Amino acid sequence: MDFWNMPLDMLSEEQWEALCDGCGRCCLHRFEDEETGEVLYTDVACRLFDMDSCRCTRYAERRRLVPECLSVRLLSADQYAWLPVTCAYRLRREGKALPAWHPLISGDAASVREAGISVRGRCVPESEVAEEEWPEHIIAPD
């Protein structure tokens, strides 16, 4: 069995990290609509996000530096709704297969960009947008 088809709690640390497709969507700021519970994404990226690599520049320290950063491995089942519907962690938690564009399936990291899933070139750093303006940057992520 391919490791990515195993239950998430069975994955080693290396397997867990390999499951990330590198899209960067989890690094976008989001809000929850208080009336509907819907998660609303912005195109505003966390200050630690590298827009070229679509990776966190301080991954090991991110929870200390950005306390609101989600630690996916520590999420409860209901908190997975905060992850994009395309996220491999969310898909596997929901018992779904990885999509064809996922690098573990395609064998090519570029497939994430080619499928239009990556936020590379489609977001702005939080340093360029005042926090009170973030709601003006709400996007449809999926």
C-alpha atoms as a PDB file:
ATOM      1  CA  MET A   1       0.000   0.000   0.000  1.00  0.00           C
ATOM      2  CA  ASP A   2       1.263   3.462  -0.883  1.00  0.00           C
ATOM      3  CA  PHE A   3       1.860   5.438   2.305  1.00  0.00           C
ATOM      4  CA  TRP A   4      -0.475   8.238   1.199  1.00  0.00           C
ATOM      5  CA  ASN A   5      -3.384   5.795   1.313  1.00  0.00           C
ATOM      6  CA  MET A   6      -2.690   4.924   4.933  1.00  0.00           C
ATOM      7  CA  PRO A   7      -4.629   6.581   7.785  1.00  0.00           C
ATOM      8  CA  LEU A   8      -3.028   9.913   8.683  1.00  0.00           C
ATOM      9  CA  ASP A   9      -2.244   8.851  12.232  1.00  0.00           C
ATOM     10  CA  MET A  10      -0.148   5.975  10.856  1.00  0.00           C
ATOM     11  CA  LEU A  11       2.223   8.213   8.865  1.00  0.00           C
ATOM     12  CA  SER A  12       5.798   8.831   9.933  1.00  0.00           C
ATOM     13  CA  GLU A  13       6.983  12.424  10.134  1.00  0.00           C
ATOM     14  CA  GLU A  14       8.717  12.076   6.753  1.00  0.00           C
ATOM     15  CA  GLN A  15       5.594  10.619   5.136  1.00  0.00           C
ATOM     16  CA  TRP A  16       3.437  13.330   6.710  1.00  0.00           C
ATOM     17  CA  GLU A  17       5.591  16.085   5.260  1.00  0.00           C
ATOM     18  CA  ALA A  18       5.705  14.378   1.842  1.00  0.00           C
ATOM     19  CA  LEU A  19       1.901  14.429   1.739  1.00  0.00           C
ATOM     20  CA  CYS A  20       1.918  18.225   1.419  1.00  0.00           C
ATOM     21  CA  ASP A  21       1.489  19.212  -2.238  1.00  0.00           C
ATOM     22  CA  GLY A  22       3.138  22.620  -1.754  1.00  0.00           C
ATOM     23  CA  CYS A  23       0.195  24.644  -3.090  1.00  0.00           C
ATOM     24  CA  GLY A  24       0.498  27.321  -0.382  1.00  0.00           C
ATOM     25  CA  ARG A  25      -3.267  27.669   0.105  1.00  0.00           C
ATOM     26  CA  CYS A  26      -3.024  26.949   3.819  1.00  0.00           C
ATOM     27  CA  CYS A  27      -0.748  30.000   4.151  1.00  0.00           C
ATOM     28  CA  LEU A  28      -3.457  32.396   2.979  1.00  0.00           C
ATOM     29  CA  HIS A  29      -5.327  34.355   5.618  1.00  0.00           C
ATOM     30  CA  ARG A  30      -8.947  33.359   6.035  1.00  0.00           C
ATOM     31  CA  PHE A  31     -12.059  34.221   7.961  1.00  0.00           C
ATOM     32  CA  GLU A  32     -15.059  32.280   9.131  1.00  0.00           C
ATOM     33  CA  ASP A  33     -18.473  33.675   8.239  1.00  0.00           C
ATOM     34  CA  GLU A  34     -20.130  33.835  11.658  1.00  0.00           C
ATOM     35  CA  GLU A  35     -23.598  33.239  10.229  1.00  0.00           C
ATOM     36  CA  THR A  36     -22.872  30.318   7.894  1.00  0.00           C
ATOM     37  CA  GLY A  37     -19.638  28.880   9.294  1.00  0.00           C
ATOM     38  CA  GLU A  38     -18.159  29.061   5.783  1.00  0.00           C
ATOM     39  CA  VAL A  39     -14.391  29.548   5.603  1.00  0.00           C
ATOM     40  CA  LEU A  40     -13.536  32.538   3.403  1.00  0.00           C
ATOM     41  CA  TYR A  41     -10.055  32.742   1.909  1.00  0.00           C
ATOM     42  CA  THR A  42      -8.168  35.879   0.988  1.00  0.00           C
ATOM     43  CA  ASP A  43      -5.284  36.263  -1.443  1.00  0.00           C
ATOM     44  CA  VAL A  44      -3.210  37.693   1.426  1.00  0.00           C
ATOM     45  CA  ALA A  45      -0.320  35.402   2.369  1.00  0.00           C
ATOM     46  CA  CYS A  46       1.267  34.975   5.777  1.00  0.00           C
ATOM     47  CA  ARG A  47       4.390  37.030   6.390  1.00  0.00           C
ATOM     48  CA  LEU A  48       6.484  33.841   6.534  1.00  0.00           C
ATOM     49  CA  PHE A  49       5.304  32.623   3.113  1.00  0.00           C
ATOM     50  CA  ASP A  50       7.825  32.490   0.262  1.00  0.00           C
ATOM     51  CA  MET A  51       5.847  33.348  -2.851  1.00  0.00           C
ATOM     52  CA  ASP A  52       8.308  31.696  -5.231  1.00  0.00           C
ATOM     53  CA  SER A  53       8.667  28.330  -3.506  1.00  0.00           C
ATOM     54  CA  CYS A  54       5.147  28.295  -1.965  1.00  0.00           C
ATOM     55  CA  ARG A  55       6.717  27.207   1.308  1.00  0.00           C
ATOM     56  CA  CYS A  56       7.096  28.655   4.769  1.00  0.00           C
ATOM     57  CA  THR A  57      10.421  30.423   5.252  1.00  0.00           C
ATOM     58  CA  ARG A  58      10.533  29.526   8.968  1.00  0.00           C
ATOM     59  CA  TYR A  59       8.588  26.261   9.010  1.00  0.00           C
ATOM     60  CA  ALA A  60      10.164  24.833  12.175  1.00  0.00           C
ATOM     61  CA  GLU A  61       9.460  28.054  14.102  1.00  0.00           C
ATOM     62  CA  ARG A  62       6.161  29.040  12.478  1.00  0.00           C
ATOM     63  CA  ARG A  63       3.909  28.276  15.470  1.00  0.00           C
ATOM     64  CA  ARG A  64       6.038  30.458  17.745  1.00  0.00           C
ATOM     65  CA  LEU A  65       6.345  33.292  15.228  1.00  0.00           C
ATOM     66  CA  VAL A  66       2.731  33.143  13.996  1.00  0.00           C
ATOM     67  CA  PRO A  67       0.593  31.762  16.856  1.00  0.00           C
ATOM     68  CA  GLU A  68      -2.529  31.582  14.661  1.00  0.00           C
ATOM     69  CA  CYS A  69      -0.752  29.264  12.200  1.00  0.00           C
ATOM     70  CA  LEU A  70      -2.565  25.955  11.926  1.00  0.00           C
ATOM     71  CA  SER A  71      -0.579  22.901  12.880  1.00  0.00           C
ATOM     72  CA  VAL A  72      -2.371  20.428  10.633  1.00  0.00           C
ATOM     73  CA  ARG A  73      -1.169  17.409  12.560  1.00  0.00           C
ATOM     74  CA  LEU A  74      -2.823  18.776  15.714  1.00  0.00           C
ATOM     75  CA  LEU A  75      -6.202  19.637  14.158  1.00  0.00           C
ATOM     76  CA  SER A  76      -9.351  18.011  15.427  1.00  0.00           C
ATOM     77  CA  ALA A  77     -11.605  16.378  12.826  1.00  0.00           C
ATOM     78  CA  ASP A  78     -13.939  19.394  12.619  1.00  0.00           C
ATOM     79  CA  GLN A  79     -11.023  21.815  12.186  1.00  0.00           C
ATOM     80  CA  TYR A  80     -10.062  20.216   8.860  1.00  0.00           C
ATOM     81  CA  ALA A  81     -12.763  22.425   7.322  1.00  0.00           C
ATOM     82  CA  TRP A  82     -10.214  25.252   7.660  1.00  0.00           C
ATOM     83  CA  LEU A  83      -8.054  23.519   5.051  1.00  0.00           C
ATOM     84  CA  PRO A  84      -8.720  23.907   1.329  1.00  0.00           C
ATOM     85  CA  VAL A  85     -10.913  21.180  -0.207  1.00  0.00           C
ATOM     86  CA  THR A  86      -7.927  20.294  -2.411  1.00  0.00           C
ATOM     87  CA  CYS A  87      -5.575  19.741   0.559  1.00  0.00           C
ATOM     88  CA  ALA A  88      -4.155  16.224   0.711  1.00  0.00           C
ATOM     89  CA  TYR A  89      -4.502  16.138   4.503  1.00  0.00           C
ATOM     90  CA  ARG A  90      -8.179  17.066   4.293  1.00  0.00           C
ATOM     91  CA  LEU A  91      -8.800  14.658   1.415  1.00  0.00           C
ATOM     92  CA  ARG A  92      -7.203  11.763   3.279  1.00  0.00           C
ATOM     93  CA  ARG A  93      -8.991  12.661   6.536  1.00  0.00           C
ATOM     94  CA  GLU A  94     -12.241  12.468   4.532  1.00  0.00           C
ATOM     95  CA  GLY A  95     -11.229   9.087   3.077  1.00  0.00           C
ATOM     96  CA  LYS A  96     -10.764  10.469  -0.444  1.00  0.00           C
ATOM     97  CA  ALA A  97      -7.984   9.692  -2.918  1.00  0.00           C
ATOM     98  CA  LEU A  98      -5.307  12.173  -3.917  1.00  0.00           C
ATOM     99  CA  PRO A  99      -6.022  13.930  -7.227  1.00  0.00           C
ATOM    100  CA  ALA A 100      -4.026  13.152 -10.374  1.00  0.00           C
ATOM    101  CA  TRP A 101      -2.157  16.485 -10.125  1.00  0.00           C
ATOM    102  CA  HIS A 102      -0.738  15.697  -6.653  1.00  0.00           C
ATOM    103  CA  PRO A 103       3.068  15.250  -6.910  1.00  0.00           C
ATOM    104  CA  LEU A 104       2.919  11.848  -5.204  1.00  0.00           C
ATOM    105  CA  ILE A 105       0.603  10.661  -7.997  1.00  0.00           C
ATOM    106  CA  SER A 106       1.966  12.637 -10.960  1.00  0.00           C
ATOM    107  CA  GLY A 107       5.626  12.302  -9.988  1.00  0.00           C
ATOM    108  CA  ASP A 108       6.109  15.988 -10.840  1.00  0.00           C
ATOM    109  CA  ALA A 109       6.029  18.918  -8.379  1.00  0.00           C
ATOM    110  CA  ALA A 110       5.116  21.254 -11.265  1.00  0.00           C
ATOM    111  CA  SER A 111       1.785  19.464 -11.690  1.00  0.00           C
ATOM    112  CA  VAL A 112       0.360  21.508  -8.790  1.00  0.00           C
ATOM    113  CA  ARG A 113       0.994  24.758 -10.682  1.00  0.00           C
ATOM    114  CA  GLU A 114      -0.081  23.293 -14.011  1.00  0.00           C
ATOM    115  CA  ALA A 115      -3.411  22.232 -12.482  1.00  0.00           C
ATOM    116  CA  GLY A 116      -3.994  25.787 -11.204  1.00  0.00           C
ATOM    117  CA  ILE A 117      -3.915  24.703  -7.562  1.00  0.00           C
ATOM    118  CA  SER A 118      -0.794  26.594  -6.470  1.00  0.00           C
ATOM    119  CA  VAL A 119      -1.109  30.169  -5.202  1.00  0.00           C
ATOM    120  CA  ARG A 120       2.258  31.017  -6.753  1.00  0.00           C
ATOM    121  CA  GLY A 121       1.892  34.382  -8.495  1.00  0.00           C
ATOM    122  CA  ARG A 122      -1.682  34.760  -7.255  1.00  0.00           C
ATOM    123  CA  CYS A 123      -1.295  36.249  -3.791  1.00  0.00           C
ATOM    124  CA  VAL A 124       0.050  39.318  -2.027  1.00  0.00           C
ATOM    125  CA  PRO A 125       2.187  39.480   1.117  1.00  0.00           C
ATOM    126  CA  GLU A 126       0.431  40.630   4.271  1.00  0.00           C
ATOM    127  CA  SER A 127       2.994  43.439   4.554  1.00  0.00           C
ATOM    128  CA  GLU A 128       1.372  45.083   1.519  1.00  0.00           C
ATOM    129  CA  VAL A 129      -2.216  44.985   2.795  1.00  0.00           C
ATOM    130  CA  ALA A 130      -3.494  46.559   5.996  1.00  0.00           C
ATOM    131  CA  GLU A 131      -5.274  43.968   8.126  1.00  0.00           C
ATOM    132  CA  GLU A 132      -8.535  45.919   8.050  1.00  0.00           C
ATOM    133  CA  GLU A 133      -8.433  45.608   4.238  1.00  0.00           C
ATOM    134  CA  TRP A 134      -8.110  41.806   4.216  1.00  0.00           C
ATOM    135  CA  PRO A 135     -11.882  41.303   3.787  1.00  0.00           C
ATOM    136  CA  GLU A 136     -11.583  43.186   0.484  1.00  0.00           C
ATOM    137  CA  HIS A 137      -9.204  40.421  -0.673  1.00  0.00           C
ATOM    138  CA  ILE A 138     -11.624  37.503  -0.225  1.00  0.00           C
ATOM    139  CA  ILE A 139     -11.316  35.034  -3.110  1.00  0.00           C
ATOM    140  CA  ALA A 140     -12.858  31.752  -4.180  1.00  0.00           C
ATOM    141  CA  PRO A 141      -9.977  29.328  -3.520  1.00  0.00           C
ATOM    142  CA  ASP A 142     -11.341  26.158  -5.060  1.00  0.00           C
END
